[in-house]
Amino acid sequence: MSVIIAVLRKPPLWPVALKQIWRIRKSNWYKRPPFLPVPEKSYIDFRIHTAYGSSEDFSRLATDVVTYLKWCRDWPSRK
């Protein structure tokens, strides 16, 4: 929940956040409840484990997500 709040506090990152969620959405998300384009739980668990290891301390998670979204926004895109 802290990640969502951190992103909601940064309106300039909303389009980037939506784009990133869309990119990692589950295949055929529209065929299964809850009918939302969200990633697989196993994918999120894998990404968190690769970032933080087996630690249960996710106190930096919200800050790290905001930093990642800023990086995505500032990365030069191919047009």
N, C-alpha and C. Protein backbone atom coordinates (compact mmCIF):
# COMPACT_ATOMS: atom_id res chain seq x y z
N MET A 1 0.82 -1.19 0.00
CA MET A 1 0.00 0.00 0.00
C MET A 1 0.87 1.26 0.00
N SER A 2 2.01 1.21 0.66
CA SER A 2 2.88 2.38 0.72
C SER A 2 3.41 2.74 -0.67
N VAL A 3 3.58 1.75 -1.54
CA VAL A 3 4.03 2.02 -2.91
C VAL A 3 2.97 2.82 -3.65
N ILE A 4 1.73 2.41 -3.53
CA ILE A 4 0.63 3.11 -4.21
C ILE A 4 0.54 4.55 -3.72
N ILE A 5 0.63 4.75 -2.42
CA ILE A 5 0.56 6.09 -1.84
C ILE A 5 1.72 6.94 -2.33
N ALA A 6 2.92 6.36 -2.36
CA ALA A 6 4.10 7.10 -2.82
C ALA A 6 3.94 7.54 -4.28
N VAL A 7 3.39 6.68 -5.11
CA VAL A 7 3.19 7.03 -6.53
C VAL A 7 2.06 8.05 -6.66
N LEU A 8 0.99 7.90 -5.89
CA LEU A 8 -0.12 8.85 -5.96
C LEU A 8 0.31 10.26 -5.56
N ARG A 9 1.33 10.37 -4.75
CA ARG A 9 1.84 11.68 -4.33
C ARG A 9 2.69 12.34 -5.41
N LYS A 10 2.94 11.64 -6.50
CA LYS A 10 3.79 12.16 -7.59
C LYS A 10 3.01 12.13 -8.91
N PRO A 11 2.05 13.03 -9.11
CA PRO A 11 1.25 13.01 -10.34
C PRO A 11 2.05 12.96 -11.65
N PRO A 12 3.22 13.59 -11.74
CA PRO A 12 3.97 13.48 -13.00
C PRO A 12 4.40 12.03 -13.33
N LEU A 13 4.40 11.16 -12.33
CA LEU A 13 4.80 9.76 -12.56
C LEU A 13 3.62 8.86 -12.89
N TRP A 14 2.40 9.35 -12.80
CA TRP A 14 1.23 8.51 -13.06
C TRP A 14 1.26 7.88 -14.45
N PRO A 15 1.53 8.64 -15.52
CA PRO A 15 1.56 8.00 -16.85
C PRO A 15 2.65 6.93 -16.95
N VAL A 16 3.78 7.19 -16.34
CA VAL A 16 4.88 6.22 -16.36
C VAL A 16 4.48 4.96 -15.60
N ALA A 17 3.86 5.14 -14.45
CA ALA A 17 3.43 3.99 -13.65
C ALA A 17 2.42 3.14 -14.42
N LEU A 18 1.47 3.78 -15.07
CA LEU A 18 0.48 3.03 -15.85
C LEU A 18 1.14 2.28 -17.01
N LYS A 19 2.10 2.93 -17.65
CA LYS A 19 2.81 2.29 -18.76
C LYS A 19 3.58 1.07 -18.27
N GLN A 20 4.24 1.18 -17.13
CA GLN A 20 5.01 0.06 -16.60
C GLN A 20 4.10 -1.08 -16.15
N ILE A 21 3.00 -0.76 -15.52
CA ILE A 21 2.04 -1.81 -15.13
C ILE A 21 1.53 -2.53 -16.38
N TRP A 22 1.24 -1.75 -17.42
CA TRP A 22 0.74 -2.36 -18.67
C TRP A 22 1.78 -3.31 -19.26
N ARG A 23 3.05 -2.93 -19.17
CA ARG A 23 4.12 -3.75 -19.74
C ARG A 23 4.30 -5.08 -19.02
N ILE A 24 4.03 -5.11 -17.73
CA ILE A 24 4.25 -6.35 -16.97
C ILE A 24 2.96 -7.07 -16.63
N ARG A 25 1.87 -6.68 -17.28
CA ARG A 25 0.57 -7.30 -16.99
C ARG A 25 0.59 -8.79 -17.33
N LYS A 26 -0.29 -9.49 -16.71
CA LYS A 26 -0.47 -10.92 -16.91
C LYS A 26 -1.09 -11.17 -18.29
N SER A 27 -0.65 -12.21 -18.98
CA SER A 27 -1.25 -12.57 -20.27
C SER A 27 -2.71 -12.95 -20.06
N ASN A 28 -3.53 -12.60 -21.00
CA ASN A 28 -4.97 -12.92 -20.95
C ASN A 28 -5.63 -12.43 -19.66
N TRP A 29 -5.21 -11.31 -19.15
CA TRP A 29 -5.74 -10.78 -17.89
C TRP A 29 -7.24 -10.53 -17.97
N TYR A 30 -7.74 -10.28 -19.15
CA TYR A 30 -9.16 -9.97 -19.34
C TYR A 30 -10.05 -11.22 -19.29
N LYS A 31 -9.44 -12.40 -19.22
CA LYS A 31 -10.21 -13.64 -19.20
C LYS A 31 -10.42 -14.20 -17.79
N ARG A 32 -9.70 -13.65 -16.80
CA ARG A 32 -9.77 -14.19 -15.44
C ARG A 32 -10.03 -13.08 -14.43
N PRO A 33 -10.84 -13.38 -13.42
CA PRO A 33 -11.04 -12.39 -12.36
C PRO A 33 -9.70 -12.08 -11.70
N PRO A 34 -9.46 -10.91 -11.29
CA PRO A 34 -10.34 -9.76 -11.12
C PRO A 34 -10.44 -8.88 -12.37
N PHE A 35 -10.05 -9.37 -13.53
CA PHE A 35 -10.16 -8.64 -14.80
C PHE A 35 -9.42 -7.31 -14.77
N LEU A 36 -8.24 -7.33 -14.17
CA LEU A 36 -7.38 -6.14 -14.10
C LEU A 36 -6.03 -6.49 -14.71
N PRO A 37 -5.41 -5.54 -15.40
CA PRO A 37 -4.11 -5.81 -16.00
C PRO A 37 -2.97 -5.71 -14.99
N VAL A 38 -2.92 -6.65 -14.08
CA VAL A 38 -1.88 -6.66 -13.05
C VAL A 38 -0.92 -7.83 -13.31
N PRO A 39 0.32 -7.70 -12.83
CA PRO A 39 1.28 -8.78 -13.04
C PRO A 39 0.99 -10.00 -12.17
N GLU A 40 1.58 -11.11 -12.55
CA GLU A 40 1.48 -12.34 -11.75
C GLU A 40 2.14 -12.11 -10.39
N LYS A 41 1.58 -12.68 -9.35
CA LYS A 41 2.17 -12.56 -8.02
C LYS A 41 3.57 -13.16 -8.00
N SER A 42 3.77 -14.26 -8.71
CA SER A 42 5.09 -14.91 -8.74
C SER A 42 6.14 -13.98 -9.36
N TYR A 43 5.74 -13.17 -10.34
CA TYR A 43 6.68 -12.22 -10.95
C TYR A 43 7.08 -11.14 -9.94
N ILE A 44 6.09 -10.60 -9.25
CA ILE A 44 6.38 -9.58 -8.23
C ILE A 44 7.27 -10.16 -7.13
N ASP A 45 6.95 -11.36 -6.67
CA ASP A 45 7.77 -12.02 -5.64
C ASP A 45 9.21 -12.20 -6.12
N PHE A 46 9.38 -12.61 -7.38
CA PHE A 46 10.71 -12.79 -7.94
C PHE A 46 11.47 -11.47 -7.98
N ARG A 47 10.82 -10.40 -8.44
CA ARG A 47 11.49 -9.10 -8.53
C ARG A 47 11.87 -8.58 -7.15
N ILE A 48 11.00 -8.76 -6.17
CA ILE A 48 11.31 -8.30 -4.82
C ILE A 48 12.46 -9.12 -4.25
N HIS A 49 12.45 -10.43 -4.49
CA HIS A 49 13.54 -11.29 -3.99
C HIS A 49 14.87 -10.91 -4.63
N THR A 50 14.87 -10.61 -5.94
CA THR A 50 16.14 -10.25 -6.58
C THR A 50 16.63 -8.88 -6.12
N ALA A 51 15.72 -8.01 -5.71
CA ALA A 51 16.12 -6.69 -5.24
C ALA A 51 16.55 -6.68 -3.78
N TYR A 52 15.85 -7.44 -2.95
CA TYR A 52 16.08 -7.36 -1.51
C TYR A 52 16.57 -8.65 -0.88
N GLY A 53 16.70 -9.71 -1.66
CA GLY A 53 17.13 -10.99 -1.10
C GLY A 53 16.06 -11.58 -0.22
N SER A 54 16.50 -12.33 0.76
CA SER A 54 15.54 -13.00 1.64
C SER A 54 15.12 -12.10 2.80
N SER A 55 15.58 -10.87 2.79
CA SER A 55 15.23 -9.93 3.85
C SER A 55 13.73 -9.64 3.85
N GLU A 56 13.20 -9.46 5.02
CA GLU A 56 11.78 -9.11 5.17
C GLU A 56 11.61 -7.60 5.31
N ASP A 57 12.73 -6.85 5.24
CA ASP A 57 12.68 -5.40 5.42
C ASP A 57 12.46 -4.72 4.06
N PHE A 58 11.23 -4.30 3.82
CA PHE A 58 10.90 -3.64 2.57
C PHE A 58 10.68 -2.15 2.79
N SER A 59 11.36 -1.58 3.77
CA SER A 59 11.14 -0.18 4.11
C SER A 59 11.52 0.76 2.96
N ARG A 60 12.40 0.33 2.08
CA ARG A 60 12.82 1.17 0.95
C ARG A 60 11.99 0.92 -0.31
N LEU A 61 11.07 -0.01 -0.28
CA LEU A 61 10.35 -0.41 -1.49
C LEU A 61 9.64 0.77 -2.16
N ALA A 62 8.89 1.55 -1.42
CA ALA A 62 8.16 2.68 -2.02
C ALA A 62 9.13 3.68 -2.64
N THR A 63 10.20 4.01 -1.93
CA THR A 63 11.21 4.93 -2.46
C THR A 63 11.87 4.36 -3.70
N ASP A 64 12.18 3.08 -3.68
CA ASP A 64 12.81 2.44 -4.83
C ASP A 64 11.89 2.43 -6.05
N VAL A 65 10.60 2.21 -5.85
CA VAL A 65 9.66 2.21 -6.97
C VAL A 65 9.57 3.61 -7.57
N VAL A 66 9.49 4.64 -6.74
CA VAL A 66 9.43 6.01 -7.24
C VAL A 66 10.72 6.34 -8.00
N THR A 67 11.86 5.94 -7.47
CA THR A 67 13.13 6.17 -8.15
C THR A 67 13.16 5.46 -9.50
N TYR A 68 12.68 4.22 -9.54
CA TYR A 68 12.62 3.46 -10.79
C TYR A 68 11.71 4.16 -11.81
N LEU A 69 10.57 4.64 -11.37
CA LEU A 69 9.65 5.32 -12.29
C LEU A 69 10.26 6.61 -12.83
N LYS A 70 10.99 7.33 -11.99
CA LYS A 70 11.69 8.54 -12.47
C LYS A 70 12.73 8.16 -13.51
N TRP A 71 13.44 7.07 -13.26
CA TRP A 71 14.45 6.60 -14.21
C TRP A 71 13.78 6.24 -15.54
N CYS A 72 12.65 5.54 -15.49
CA CYS A 72 11.92 5.18 -16.71
C CYS A 72 11.48 6.43 -17.47
N ARG A 73 10.99 7.41 -16.74
CA ARG A 73 10.53 8.65 -17.37
C ARG A 73 11.67 9.39 -18.04
N ASP A 74 12.83 9.41 -17.40
CA ASP A 74 13.96 10.19 -17.90
C ASP A 74 14.81 9.46 -18.94
N TRP A 75 14.62 8.16 -19.07
CA TRP A 75 15.39 7.39 -20.03
C TRP A 75 14.99 7.82 -21.45
N PRO A 76 15.97 8.09 -22.31
CA PRO A 76 15.61 8.50 -23.68
C PRO A 76 14.84 7.39 -24.40
N SER A 77 13.70 7.74 -24.94
CA SER A 77 12.90 6.73 -25.65
C SER A 77 13.22 6.76 -27.14
N ARG A 78 12.99 5.61 -27.77
CA ARG A 78 13.16 5.54 -29.23
C ARG A 78 11.87 6.02 -29.86
N LYS A 79 11.97 6.99 -30.73
CA LYS A 79 10.76 7.51 -31.39
C LYS A 79 10.88 7.40 -32.87
